[in-house]
Each structure stands twice: as structure tokens, then as C-alpha cells.
Amino acid sequence: MSETAAALHYQNRSHVRKHERFPVKAPARALFTHESTLRGLDGPEVMVLDISQGGIAIEAAPSDTIPEWFYVEFSDIGERLTCYVAGRSPGRVHAQFPRDISADTVRNIADHARNTHMNAALDWLDSH
């Protein structure tokens, strides 16, 4: 394959990422409507694995318990993001945002997760 053909092939792949993804490993809640709840929105605790301006990956077992449209809420920092499922794999949901979120929002979530991990590590060190 020529260099030009290889470059075109790479550009035409559907999975070329538009935004940089940041590893997060942060707890959050997946919220969606339930007929059985009076509040209207409820859902399981999930682990956010990574985030970008265009989407998010979460750990949710089983992944088919998350509907096609849902919110991810970071209650500690007051962020609620609207998501729709782009793909599923065992125990994971890959979702996109209807509109790109700001780089500041991504940075705020990533910074909060990093600080939470640092505080947990420091607490563990203090206790040992």
C-alpha cells in the first residue's frame, strides 16, 4: 500500500478519535427514568473510566442495564452530562455526548478524580 493510500485509509476509518481521551477512574451515577421511582431519575453507581469532550466510557455491570439515553452525574462537583450509547462491551458502556462539552468541564472532572485518588492514597498512608 502506498503512503498516500495508507494515509487515506487511516483518515477514512470510522473510529478515528476527534478528541483526546483522559483516564479518570471516578465514581459517578448513571441516571435514567424508572417507572418505579417517584423522583423520575435513578440509576446505579458506575465507574467512569475515561472522558473526552465528545464522550465517556463507564464500567457498568451488566452493561445492558444502562438504556440508550442516560445522564452521568458527578454529584461531588455538580456536573450532569447527557449521554447516548455508542457501543457496549461486557461490563462497559461507551457513550457520546449530543454536543461536545467544554475542555474546562473535562479538565474539572479529570482534576477532581486525580485529587480524589491522591487524597485516598494519602489517607491510606496515614493509616499505615
N, C-alpha and C. Protein backbone atom coordinates (compact mmCIF):
# COMPACT_ATOMS: atom_id res chain seq x y z
N MET A 1 0.86 -1.17 0.00
CA MET A 1 0.00 0.00 0.00
C MET A 1 0.91 1.24 0.00
N SER A 2 0.62 2.18 -0.88
CA SER A 2 1.44 3.39 -0.94
C SER A 2 1.19 4.26 0.29
N GLU A 3 2.10 5.22 0.52
CA GLU A 3 1.94 6.12 1.67
C GLU A 3 0.65 6.91 1.57
N THR A 4 0.29 7.36 0.37
CA THR A 4 -0.94 8.12 0.17
C THR A 4 -2.16 7.24 0.45
N ALA A 5 -2.15 6.03 -0.08
CA ALA A 5 -3.26 5.10 0.15
C ALA A 5 -3.39 4.78 1.63
N ALA A 6 -2.25 4.58 2.30
CA ALA A 6 -2.28 4.29 3.74
C ALA A 6 -2.84 5.49 4.51
N ALA A 7 -2.46 6.70 4.14
CA ALA A 7 -2.97 7.90 4.81
C ALA A 7 -4.47 8.04 4.61
N LEU A 8 -4.94 7.80 3.37
CA LEU A 8 -6.38 7.87 3.11
C LEU A 8 -7.13 6.80 3.88
N HIS A 9 -6.57 5.59 3.93
CA HIS A 9 -7.20 4.52 4.68
C HIS A 9 -7.34 4.92 6.15
N TYR A 10 -6.28 5.48 6.72
CA TYR A 10 -6.32 5.90 8.12
C TYR A 10 -7.36 6.98 8.33
N GLN A 11 -7.46 7.95 7.44
CA GLN A 11 -8.42 9.04 7.58
C GLN A 11 -9.85 8.57 7.44
N ASN A 12 -10.07 7.52 6.67
CA ASN A 12 -11.43 7.05 6.42
C ASN A 12 -11.95 6.08 7.46
N ARG A 13 -11.12 5.66 8.40
CA ARG A 13 -11.61 4.75 9.44
C ARG A 13 -12.64 5.48 10.29
N SER A 14 -13.68 4.80 10.64
CA SER A 14 -14.75 5.43 11.40
C SER A 14 -14.38 5.64 12.86
N HIS A 15 -13.34 4.99 13.35
CA HIS A 15 -13.02 5.11 14.77
C HIS A 15 -11.86 6.07 15.05
N VAL A 16 -11.54 6.93 14.12
CA VAL A 16 -10.53 7.95 14.39
C VAL A 16 -11.12 8.93 15.41
N ARG A 17 -10.40 9.15 16.48
CA ARG A 17 -10.91 9.99 17.55
C ARG A 17 -10.77 11.47 17.22
N LYS A 18 -11.81 12.20 17.54
CA LYS A 18 -11.82 13.64 17.31
C LYS A 18 -11.20 14.38 18.50
N HIS A 19 -11.35 13.82 19.69
CA HIS A 19 -10.89 14.47 20.92
C HIS A 19 -9.96 13.55 21.70
N GLU A 20 -9.06 14.17 22.43
CA GLU A 20 -8.18 13.40 23.31
C GLU A 20 -8.97 12.87 24.49
N ARG A 21 -8.74 11.59 24.83
CA ARG A 21 -9.41 10.98 25.97
C ARG A 21 -8.49 11.03 27.18
N PHE A 22 -9.09 11.25 28.35
CA PHE A 22 -8.34 11.33 29.59
C PHE A 22 -8.80 10.22 30.52
N PRO A 23 -7.87 9.42 31.04
CA PRO A 23 -8.25 8.40 32.02
C PRO A 23 -8.74 9.09 33.29
N VAL A 24 -9.81 8.58 33.86
CA VAL A 24 -10.41 9.26 35.01
C VAL A 24 -10.51 8.33 36.22
N LYS A 25 -11.14 7.17 36.05
CA LYS A 25 -11.39 6.23 37.16
C LYS A 25 -12.07 6.94 38.32
N ALA A 26 -13.26 7.50 38.04
CA ALA A 26 -14.01 8.27 39.04
C ALA A 26 -15.40 7.69 39.22
N PRO A 27 -15.87 7.62 40.46
CA PRO A 27 -17.25 7.16 40.69
C PRO A 27 -18.25 8.23 40.24
N ALA A 28 -19.37 7.77 39.74
CA ALA A 28 -20.46 8.64 39.32
C ALA A 28 -21.74 7.83 39.40
N ARG A 29 -22.83 8.43 39.00
CA ARG A 29 -24.11 7.72 38.97
C ARG A 29 -24.69 7.86 37.57
N ALA A 30 -25.16 6.75 37.02
CA ALA A 30 -25.90 6.76 35.76
C ALA A 30 -27.37 6.98 36.12
N LEU A 31 -27.96 8.01 35.57
CA LEU A 31 -29.35 8.34 35.88
C LEU A 31 -30.21 8.18 34.64
N PHE A 32 -31.39 7.59 34.84
CA PHE A 32 -32.35 7.44 33.76
C PHE A 32 -33.72 7.25 34.38
N THR A 33 -34.75 7.37 33.58
CA THR A 33 -36.11 7.28 34.10
C THR A 33 -36.45 5.84 34.45
N HIS A 34 -37.16 5.70 35.54
CA HIS A 34 -37.68 4.42 36.01
C HIS A 34 -39.15 4.62 36.31
N GLU A 35 -39.97 3.68 35.90
CA GLU A 35 -41.39 3.77 36.21
C GLU A 35 -41.65 3.62 37.70
N SER A 36 -40.75 2.95 38.40
CA SER A 36 -40.98 2.65 39.81
C SER A 36 -40.53 3.77 40.76
N THR A 37 -39.90 4.82 40.24
CA THR A 37 -39.42 5.87 41.13
C THR A 37 -40.31 7.10 41.04
N LEU A 38 -40.52 7.72 42.16
CA LEU A 38 -41.32 8.93 42.19
C LEU A 38 -40.52 10.13 41.70
N ARG A 39 -39.22 10.11 41.92
CA ARG A 39 -38.37 11.23 41.51
C ARG A 39 -38.22 11.31 40.01
N GLY A 40 -38.39 10.22 39.32
CA GLY A 40 -38.25 10.21 37.88
C GLY A 40 -36.90 9.73 37.40
N LEU A 41 -35.82 10.08 38.09
CA LEU A 41 -34.48 9.64 37.67
C LEU A 41 -33.82 8.86 38.79
N ASP A 42 -33.24 7.76 38.42
CA ASP A 42 -32.49 6.95 39.37
C ASP A 42 -31.57 6.06 38.54
N GLY A 43 -30.65 5.42 39.21
CA GLY A 43 -29.77 4.52 38.49
C GLY A 43 -28.60 4.10 39.33
N PRO A 44 -27.78 3.21 38.78
CA PRO A 44 -26.69 2.61 39.54
C PRO A 44 -25.46 3.51 39.63
N GLU A 45 -24.66 3.21 40.63
CA GLU A 45 -23.32 3.80 40.71
C GLU A 45 -22.51 3.15 39.61
N VAL A 46 -21.69 3.94 38.94
CA VAL A 46 -20.82 3.43 37.88
C VAL A 46 -19.42 3.99 38.10
N MET A 47 -18.46 3.42 37.40
CA MET A 47 -17.10 3.93 37.43
C MET A 47 -16.81 4.53 36.05
N VAL A 48 -16.50 5.81 36.03
CA VAL A 48 -16.13 6.46 34.78
C VAL A 48 -14.67 6.11 34.51
N LEU A 49 -14.41 5.51 33.37
CA LEU A 49 -13.07 5.06 33.02
C LEU A 49 -12.27 6.14 32.30
N ASP A 50 -12.93 6.80 31.36
CA ASP A 50 -12.27 7.90 30.67
C ASP A 50 -13.31 8.86 30.11
N ILE A 51 -12.82 10.06 29.74
CA ILE A 51 -13.71 11.11 29.25
C ILE A 51 -12.97 11.95 28.23
N SER A 52 -13.71 12.47 27.29
CA SER A 52 -13.19 13.44 26.33
C SER A 52 -14.28 14.49 26.13
N GLN A 53 -14.02 15.45 25.28
CA GLN A 53 -15.05 16.45 25.01
C GLN A 53 -16.23 15.85 24.26
N GLY A 54 -16.03 14.70 23.63
CA GLY A 54 -17.09 14.10 22.84
C GLY A 54 -17.77 12.90 23.43
N GLY A 55 -17.19 12.31 24.50
CA GLY A 55 -17.81 11.10 25.03
C GLY A 55 -17.16 10.60 26.30
N ILE A 56 -17.65 9.45 26.73
CA ILE A 56 -17.28 8.91 28.03
C ILE A 56 -17.36 7.39 27.97
N ALA A 57 -16.54 6.73 28.76
CA ALA A 57 -16.63 5.27 28.90
C ALA A 57 -16.86 4.98 30.37
N ILE A 58 -17.83 4.10 30.65
CA ILE A 58 -18.14 3.75 32.04
C ILE A 58 -18.12 2.24 32.20
N GLU A 59 -17.83 1.83 33.42
CA GLU A 59 -17.94 0.44 33.83
C GLU A 59 -19.32 0.29 34.44
N ALA A 60 -20.10 -0.63 33.91
CA ALA A 60 -21.44 -0.88 34.43
C ALA A 60 -21.75 -2.34 34.21
N ALA A 61 -22.02 -3.04 35.29
CA ALA A 61 -22.28 -4.47 35.16
C ALA A 61 -23.70 -4.78 35.60
N PRO A 62 -24.47 -5.44 34.81
CA PRO A 62 -24.22 -5.70 33.40
C PRO A 62 -24.49 -4.45 32.56
N SER A 63 -23.80 -4.33 31.44
CA SER A 63 -23.89 -3.11 30.63
C SER A 63 -25.26 -2.91 30.00
N ASP A 64 -26.04 -3.98 29.86
CA ASP A 64 -27.36 -3.82 29.25
C ASP A 64 -28.40 -3.23 30.21
N THR A 65 -28.01 -2.94 31.45
CA THR A 65 -28.93 -2.26 32.37
C THR A 65 -28.97 -0.75 32.13
N ILE A 66 -28.04 -0.24 31.34
CA ILE A 66 -28.00 1.18 31.01
C ILE A 66 -28.77 1.39 29.71
N PRO A 67 -29.79 2.26 29.71
CA PRO A 67 -30.58 2.48 28.48
C PRO A 67 -29.81 3.27 27.43
N GLU A 68 -30.39 3.42 26.26
CA GLU A 68 -29.72 4.12 25.16
C GLU A 68 -29.43 5.59 25.48
N TRP A 69 -30.29 6.26 26.23
CA TRP A 69 -30.08 7.65 26.66
C TRP A 69 -30.04 7.68 28.17
N PHE A 70 -29.08 8.39 28.74
CA PHE A 70 -28.95 8.48 30.19
C PHE A 70 -28.10 9.69 30.55
N TYR A 71 -28.03 9.97 31.82
CA TYR A 71 -27.16 11.03 32.34
C TYR A 71 -26.05 10.38 33.16
N VAL A 72 -24.89 11.00 33.18
CA VAL A 72 -23.85 10.64 34.14
C VAL A 72 -23.71 11.83 35.05
N GLU A 73 -23.88 11.58 36.35
CA GLU A 73 -23.84 12.66 37.33
C GLU A 73 -22.64 12.51 38.26
N PHE A 74 -21.85 13.57 38.33
CA PHE A 74 -20.74 13.68 39.29
C PHE A 74 -21.25 14.60 40.39
N SER A 75 -21.88 14.03 41.41
CA SER A 75 -22.52 14.86 42.43
C SER A 75 -21.52 15.68 43.23
N ASP A 76 -20.28 15.17 43.39
CA ASP A 76 -19.28 15.90 44.16
C ASP A 76 -18.93 17.25 43.54
N ILE A 77 -19.04 17.34 42.23
CA ILE A 77 -18.66 18.60 41.57
C ILE A 77 -19.82 19.26 40.84
N GLY A 78 -21.01 18.70 40.98
CA GLY A 78 -22.20 19.32 40.42
C GLY A 78 -22.28 19.27 38.90
N GLU A 79 -21.77 18.21 38.29
CA GLU A 79 -21.85 18.05 36.83
C GLU A 79 -22.81 16.92 36.49
N ARG A 80 -23.67 17.16 35.52
CA ARG A 80 -24.56 16.13 34.98
C ARG A 80 -24.46 16.21 33.47
N LEU A 81 -24.05 15.11 32.85
CA LEU A 81 -23.82 15.07 31.41
C LEU A 81 -24.83 14.17 30.73
N THR A 82 -25.43 14.63 29.67
CA THR A 82 -26.35 13.83 28.87
C THR A 82 -25.53 12.95 27.94
N CYS A 83 -25.90 11.66 27.87
CA CYS A 83 -25.14 10.70 27.08
C CYS A 83 -26.07 9.82 26.26
N TYR A 84 -25.56 9.32 25.14
CA TYR A 84 -26.25 8.25 24.42
C TYR A 84 -25.24 7.16 24.08
N VAL A 85 -25.70 5.93 24.12
CA VAL A 85 -24.82 4.78 23.94
C VAL A 85 -24.32 4.72 22.50
N ALA A 86 -23.00 4.61 22.38
CA ALA A 86 -22.36 4.44 21.07
C ALA A 86 -21.91 2.99 20.88
N GLY A 87 -21.71 2.28 22.00
CA GLY A 87 -21.30 0.89 21.92
C GLY A 87 -21.29 0.26 23.30
N ARG A 88 -21.33 -1.04 23.31
CA ARG A 88 -21.30 -1.80 24.56
C ARG A 88 -20.30 -2.93 24.43
N SER A 89 -19.67 -3.24 25.53
CA SER A 89 -18.84 -4.43 25.62
C SER A 89 -19.10 -5.00 27.00
N PRO A 90 -18.69 -6.23 27.29
CA PRO A 90 -19.00 -6.81 28.60
C PRO A 90 -18.55 -5.90 29.75
N GLY A 91 -19.53 -5.43 30.52
CA GLY A 91 -19.25 -4.60 31.69
C GLY A 91 -18.93 -3.15 31.38
N ARG A 92 -19.01 -2.75 30.13
CA ARG A 92 -18.68 -1.36 29.75
C ARG A 92 -19.72 -0.77 28.82
N VAL A 93 -19.88 0.54 28.96
CA VAL A 93 -20.72 1.30 28.04
C VAL A 93 -19.87 2.44 27.51
N HIS A 94 -19.86 2.58 26.19
CA HIS A 94 -19.16 3.67 25.54
C HIS A 94 -20.24 4.62 25.04
N ALA A 95 -20.18 5.87 25.47
CA ALA A 95 -21.25 6.81 25.16
C ALA A 95 -20.68 8.10 24.58
N GLN A 96 -21.53 8.77 23.83
CA GLN A 96 -21.19 10.07 23.28
C GLN A 96 -22.10 11.12 23.89
N PHE A 97 -21.66 12.37 23.81
CA PHE A 97 -22.48 13.49 24.24
C PHE A 97 -23.19 14.05 23.00
N PRO A 98 -24.43 14.52 23.15
CA PRO A 98 -25.13 15.10 21.99
C PRO A 98 -24.37 16.28 21.38
N ARG A 99 -23.73 17.06 22.23
CA ARG A 99 -22.86 18.17 21.81
C ARG A 99 -21.57 18.06 22.59
N ASP A 100 -20.47 18.43 21.98
CA ASP A 100 -19.19 18.40 22.69
C ASP A 100 -19.29 19.24 23.96
N ILE A 101 -18.67 18.75 25.04
CA ILE A 101 -18.60 19.53 26.26
C ILE A 101 -17.31 20.34 26.23
N SER A 102 -17.20 21.30 27.11
CA SER A 102 -16.04 22.18 27.09
C SER A 102 -14.80 21.48 27.63
N ALA A 103 -13.64 21.95 27.19
CA ALA A 103 -12.38 21.44 27.71
C ALA A 103 -12.28 21.71 29.20
N ASP A 104 -12.86 22.81 29.67
CA ASP A 104 -12.84 23.12 31.10
C ASP A 104 -13.62 22.09 31.91
N THR A 105 -14.74 21.62 31.38
CA THR A 105 -15.53 20.59 32.07
C THR A 105 -14.74 19.29 32.15
N VAL A 106 -14.10 18.90 31.06
CA VAL A 106 -13.28 17.68 31.06
C VAL A 106 -12.16 17.82 32.07
N ARG A 107 -11.48 18.96 32.05
CA ARG A 107 -10.37 19.20 32.97
C ARG A 107 -10.86 19.19 34.43
N ASN A 108 -12.02 19.78 34.70
CA ASN A 108 -12.59 19.80 36.05
C ASN A 108 -12.85 18.37 36.55
N ILE A 109 -13.43 17.54 35.70
CA ILE A 109 -13.72 16.15 36.08
C ILE A 109 -12.42 15.37 36.29
N ALA A 110 -11.48 15.51 35.36
CA ALA A 110 -10.20 14.79 35.48
C ALA A 110 -9.42 15.27 36.71
N ASP A 111 -9.39 16.58 36.96
CA ASP A 111 -8.68 17.11 38.13
C ASP A 111 -9.31 16.61 39.42
N HIS A 112 -10.65 16.60 39.47
CA HIS A 112 -11.33 16.13 40.68
C HIS A 112 -11.01 14.65 40.93
N ALA A 113 -11.01 13.85 39.87
CA ALA A 113 -10.69 12.42 40.01
C ALA A 113 -9.26 12.25 40.50
N ARG A 114 -8.34 13.00 39.94
CA ARG A 114 -6.93 12.90 40.34
C ARG A 114 -6.76 13.30 41.81
N ASN A 115 -7.42 14.39 42.22
CA ASN A 115 -7.35 14.83 43.62
C ASN A 115 -7.97 13.81 44.56
N THR A 116 -9.06 13.20 44.14
CA THR A 116 -9.71 12.17 44.96
C THR A 116 -8.78 10.99 45.16
N HIS A 117 -8.09 10.57 44.07
CA HIS A 117 -7.14 9.45 44.17
C HIS A 117 -5.98 9.82 45.08
N MET A 118 -5.47 11.04 44.97
CA MET A 118 -4.35 11.48 45.81
C MET A 118 -4.76 11.49 47.28
N ASN A 119 -5.94 12.03 47.56
CA ASN A 119 -6.42 12.07 48.95
C ASN A 119 -6.61 10.68 49.51
N ALA A 120 -7.13 9.75 48.71
CA ALA A 120 -7.30 8.37 49.18
C ALA A 120 -5.96 7.73 49.45
N ALA A 121 -4.98 7.98 48.60
CA ALA A 121 -3.64 7.42 48.81
C ALA A 121 -3.01 8.00 50.07
N LEU A 122 -3.16 9.29 50.27
CA LEU A 122 -2.61 9.92 51.48
C LEU A 122 -3.27 9.40 52.74
N ASP A 123 -4.60 9.22 52.68
CA ASP A 123 -5.34 8.66 53.83
C ASP A 123 -4.84 7.26 54.14
N TRP A 124 -4.62 6.47 53.09
CA TRP A 124 -4.12 5.10 53.30
C TRP A 124 -2.74 5.14 53.93
N LEU A 125 -1.86 6.01 53.44
CA LEU A 125 -0.51 6.12 54.01
C LEU A 125 -0.56 6.56 55.48
N ASP A 126 -1.44 7.48 55.78
CA ASP A 126 -1.58 7.95 57.16
C ASP A 126 -2.06 6.85 58.10
N SER A 127 -2.87 5.95 57.58
CA SER A 127 -3.42 4.89 58.43
C SER A 127 -2.48 3.71 58.60
N HIS A 128 -1.37 3.70 57.90
CA HIS A 128 -0.44 2.55 58.00
C HIS A 128 0.88 2.96 58.59
